[in-house]
């Protein structure tokens, strides 16, 4: 099977990036753009692509959900024994990508990664729906399983074991991507897009425009 998508075209004309009005701190702009994506009605405007690589440089990417962000970095949660967890143990660097098509915007974030504190992981885990907490115990994330029935049995067993509170598994928790580079992209007509990148310095951020 094959397909030719070369004739599909969109014109990007919903916004601009003007250095004269951009904030010195990229987190201010990120917050504005994230809020705008939510206000535009995007179902999961906090979804992001997480790209990691193992020690040999083999990359992998998947969609995860941003669960917290501030000047320290961008936080997501997962099973430490998953493929992403294994790769971050070998190579603790990552890239994030937000794409908000209705606004014709994307944000790229690159940096080093570190685990959040156990207290932060505990606090977030306690806020999850009960079924989500049970699945953290039931699913050996990224491992090969024989069938769907195996997972359903594991969920039933977890439900039986944890009749009250469901504690956080020791192999489950959060990671924080500590941003070193943040790039903002705004679609423009004729593919002459706006790209502005911020790089973290010792005490502040520097800003440059990139060719599209």
Protein backbone atom coordinates (compact mmCIF):
# COMPACT_ATOMS: atom_id res chain seq x y z
CA UNK A 1 0.00 0.00 0.00
CA UNK A 2 1.09 3.57 -0.62
CA UNK A 3 -0.28 7.07 -0.74
CA UNK A 4 0.66 10.40 -2.24
CA UNK A 5 -0.02 13.27 0.16
CA UNK A 6 2.05 15.81 -1.73
CA UNK A 7 -0.98 17.76 -2.87
CA UNK A 8 -2.29 18.53 0.59
CA UNK A 9 -1.74 22.16 1.54
CA UNK A 10 -2.70 24.58 4.29
CA UNK A 11 -2.05 28.30 4.51
CA UNK A 12 -0.79 29.44 7.91
CA UNK A 13 -1.98 32.95 8.72
CA UNK A 14 -3.24 33.04 12.30
CA UNK A 15 -0.42 34.82 14.08
CA UNK A 16 3.07 36.29 14.21
CA UNK A 17 6.09 36.29 16.49
CA UNK A 18 7.43 39.81 16.93
CA UNK A 19 10.66 40.09 18.92
CA UNK A 20 9.71 43.61 19.95
CA UNK A 21 6.93 42.35 22.20
CA UNK A 22 8.29 38.95 23.26
CA UNK A 23 9.06 38.48 26.96
CA UNK A 24 12.63 38.00 28.15
CA UNK A 25 11.57 34.82 29.95
CA UNK A 26 10.32 32.06 27.61
CA UNK A 27 8.21 30.54 30.38
CA UNK A 28 5.96 33.59 30.25
CA UNK A 29 5.34 33.03 26.55
CA UNK A 30 4.91 29.28 27.08
CA UNK A 31 2.26 29.91 29.71
CA UNK A 32 0.41 32.29 27.40
CA UNK A 33 0.48 29.82 24.52
CA UNK A 34 -0.55 26.86 26.69
CA UNK A 35 -3.51 28.83 28.04
CA UNK A 36 -4.51 29.95 24.54
CA UNK A 37 -4.50 26.32 23.35
CA UNK A 38 -6.81 25.39 26.20
CA UNK A 39 -9.12 28.32 25.49
CA UNK A 40 -9.21 27.28 21.82
CA UNK A 41 -10.95 24.08 22.91
CA UNK A 42 -8.17 21.58 22.28
CA UNK A 43 -9.08 18.37 24.11
CA UNK A 44 -5.65 17.72 25.60
CA UNK A 45 -3.69 20.87 24.99
CA UNK A 46 -1.18 19.66 27.60
CA UNK A 47 -0.24 16.58 25.54
CA UNK A 48 3.33 16.58 24.27
CA UNK A 49 5.68 14.36 22.32
CA UNK A 50 8.53 13.09 24.49
CA UNK A 51 11.65 12.01 22.60
CA UNK A 52 14.39 10.01 24.32
CA UNK A 53 17.38 7.98 23.15
CA UNK A 54 19.30 5.06 24.59
CA UNK A 55 23.05 4.89 25.16
CA UNK A 56 23.59 3.90 21.51
CA UNK A 57 21.66 6.94 20.28
CA UNK A 58 18.59 5.02 19.05
CA UNK A 59 15.70 7.48 19.42
CA UNK A 60 12.10 6.82 20.36
CA UNK A 61 9.12 9.11 20.79
CA UNK A 62 5.66 8.94 22.28
CA UNK A 63 2.88 11.20 23.54
CA UNK A 64 2.78 11.90 27.28
CA UNK A 65 0.92 14.47 29.36
CA UNK A 66 2.47 17.52 30.95
CA UNK A 67 1.49 17.41 34.62
CA UNK A 68 3.36 20.40 36.06
CA UNK A 69 5.70 23.13 34.90
CA UNK A 70 7.52 26.06 36.44
CA UNK A 71 10.96 27.67 36.36
CA UNK A 72 12.47 24.32 37.42
CA UNK A 73 11.20 22.43 34.38
CA UNK A 74 8.44 20.35 32.81
CA UNK A 75 7.11 17.28 34.64
CA UNK A 76 5.57 14.03 33.41
CA UNK A 77 4.97 10.69 35.15
CA UNK A 78 5.56 7.10 34.10
CA UNK A 79 6.79 3.65 35.06
CA UNK A 80 10.55 3.82 35.68
CA UNK A 81 10.89 0.41 34.06
CA UNK A 82 9.22 1.46 30.81
CA UNK A 83 11.23 1.98 27.65
CA UNK A 84 11.37 5.72 28.29
CA UNK A 85 12.50 5.07 31.86
CA UNK A 86 15.24 2.69 30.72
CA UNK A 87 16.44 5.17 28.12
CA UNK A 88 16.47 8.06 30.57
CA UNK A 89 18.55 5.94 32.96
CA UNK A 90 21.10 5.44 30.17
CA UNK A 91 20.89 8.90 28.65
CA UNK A 92 19.21 11.48 30.92
CA UNK A 93 18.35 13.99 28.21
CA UNK A 94 15.09 14.53 26.35
CA UNK A 95 13.17 16.70 23.91
CA UNK A 96 9.53 17.76 24.21
CA UNK A 97 7.24 18.96 21.44
CA UNK A 98 3.87 20.67 21.76
CA UNK A 99 1.85 21.08 18.55
CA UNK A 100 -1.32 23.15 18.65
CA UNK A 101 -2.66 22.89 15.11
CA UNK A 102 -5.70 25.11 15.64
CA UNK A 103 -3.34 27.97 16.53
CA UNK A 104 -0.65 26.98 13.99
CA UNK A 105 1.93 26.88 16.78
CA UNK A 106 4.51 24.52 18.18
CA UNK A 107 6.99 24.65 21.03
CA UNK A 108 10.18 22.58 21.20
CA UNK A 109 11.97 22.06 24.51
CA UNK A 110 15.33 20.34 25.03
CA UNK A 111 17.27 19.66 28.21
CA UNK A 112 18.52 17.27 30.80
CA UNK A 113 16.20 15.12 32.87
CA UNK A 114 16.08 14.22 36.54
CA UNK A 115 13.54 12.37 38.71
CA UNK A 116 11.19 14.49 40.78
CA UNK A 117 11.24 13.94 44.55
CA UNK A 118 9.35 10.99 46.05
CA UNK A 119 7.13 13.51 47.82
CA UNK A 120 6.14 15.08 44.50
CA UNK A 121 5.41 11.67 43.00
CA UNK A 122 3.37 10.64 46.04
CA UNK A 123 1.31 13.82 45.92
CA UNK A 124 0.52 13.45 42.23
CA UNK A 125 -0.22 9.72 42.48
CA UNK A 126 -2.72 10.34 45.28
CA UNK A 127 -4.66 12.68 42.97
CA UNK A 128 -5.07 10.07 40.22
CA UNK A 129 -8.37 8.21 39.80
CA UNK A 130 -8.43 4.88 41.60
CA UNK A 131 -8.41 2.88 38.37
CA UNK A 132 -5.34 4.74 37.15
CA UNK A 133 -3.55 3.95 40.39
CA UNK A 134 -4.47 0.27 40.12
CA UNK A 135 -3.20 0.08 36.55
CA UNK A 136 0.20 1.34 37.70
CA UNK A 137 0.45 -1.86 39.74
CA UNK A 138 -1.12 -4.10 37.10
CA UNK A 139 0.78 -3.06 34.00
CA UNK A 140 4.48 -3.96 33.48
CA UNK A 141 4.77 -1.05 31.07
CA UNK A 142 6.64 -1.79 27.82
CA UNK A 143 7.05 -5.49 28.70
CA UNK A 144 5.67 -8.17 26.37
CA UNK A 145 2.38 -9.67 27.62
CA UNK A 146 0.64 -12.77 26.33
CA UNK A 147 -2.81 -11.28 25.89
CA UNK A 148 -5.32 -8.64 26.87
CA UNK A 149 -6.72 -11.19 29.31
CA UNK A 150 -3.42 -11.16 31.21
CA UNK A 151 -3.75 -7.42 31.79
CA UNK A 152 -7.39 -7.69 32.82
CA UNK A 153 -6.49 -10.44 35.29
CA UNK A 154 -3.70 -8.29 36.70
CA UNK A 155 -6.14 -5.41 37.14
CA UNK A 156 -8.62 -7.68 38.93
CA UNK A 157 -5.86 -8.94 41.21
CA UNK A 158 -4.80 -5.38 42.04
CA UNK A 159 -8.41 -4.49 42.85
CA UNK A 160 -8.55 -7.44 45.23
CA UNK A 161 -5.22 -6.65 46.85
CA UNK A 162 -5.88 -2.95 47.41
CA UNK A 163 -9.32 -2.75 48.93
CA UNK A 164 -8.57 0.60 50.53
CA UNK A 165 -5.98 3.17 49.57
CA UNK A 166 -3.76 2.41 46.58
CA UNK A 167 -0.15 3.39 47.36
CA UNK A 168 2.34 4.50 44.71
CA UNK A 169 4.45 1.64 43.36
CA UNK A 170 8.17 2.14 44.06
CA UNK A 171 8.87 1.83 40.32
CA UNK A 172 6.49 4.63 39.31
CA UNK A 173 7.04 8.38 39.50
CA UNK A 174 7.87 11.63 37.80
CA UNK A 175 10.64 13.11 35.70
CA UNK A 176 11.46 16.78 35.23
CA UNK A 177 12.88 18.06 31.94
CA UNK A 178 15.13 20.99 32.85
CA UNK A 179 14.90 23.21 29.81
CA UNK A 180 18.12 24.44 28.21
CA UNK A 181 16.60 25.43 24.87
CA UNK A 182 13.00 26.46 24.10
CA UNK A 183 11.89 27.25 20.56
CA UNK A 184 8.59 28.87 19.57
CA UNK A 185 7.23 28.34 16.06
CA UNK A 186 4.34 30.27 14.52
CA UNK A 187 3.09 29.27 11.10
CA UNK A 188 3.20 32.02 8.45
CA UNK A 189 2.15 32.22 4.78
CA UNK A 190 4.33 30.68 2.07
CA UNK A 191 6.24 28.67 4.66
CA UNK A 192 8.17 31.74 5.81
CA UNK A 193 7.41 30.78 9.39
CA UNK A 194 8.44 32.62 12.54
CA UNK A 195 10.93 30.73 14.72
CA UNK A 196 12.36 32.22 17.90
CA UNK A 197 14.65 30.23 20.16
CA UNK A 198 15.68 30.88 23.76
CA UNK A 199 18.88 29.44 25.29
CA UNK A 200 19.45 29.31 29.03
CA UNK A 201 22.55 31.11 30.23
CA UNK A 202 24.17 31.29 33.65
CA UNK A 203 21.72 33.89 34.93
CA UNK A 204 19.17 34.58 32.17
CA UNK A 205 17.96 33.57 28.71
CA UNK A 206 19.29 34.70 25.34
CA UNK A 207 16.99 34.94 22.32
CA UNK A 208 17.56 34.53 18.58
CA UNK A 209 15.45 34.29 15.44
CA UNK A 210 15.93 31.21 13.23
CA UNK A 211 15.25 30.81 9.54
CA UNK A 212 12.21 28.61 8.88
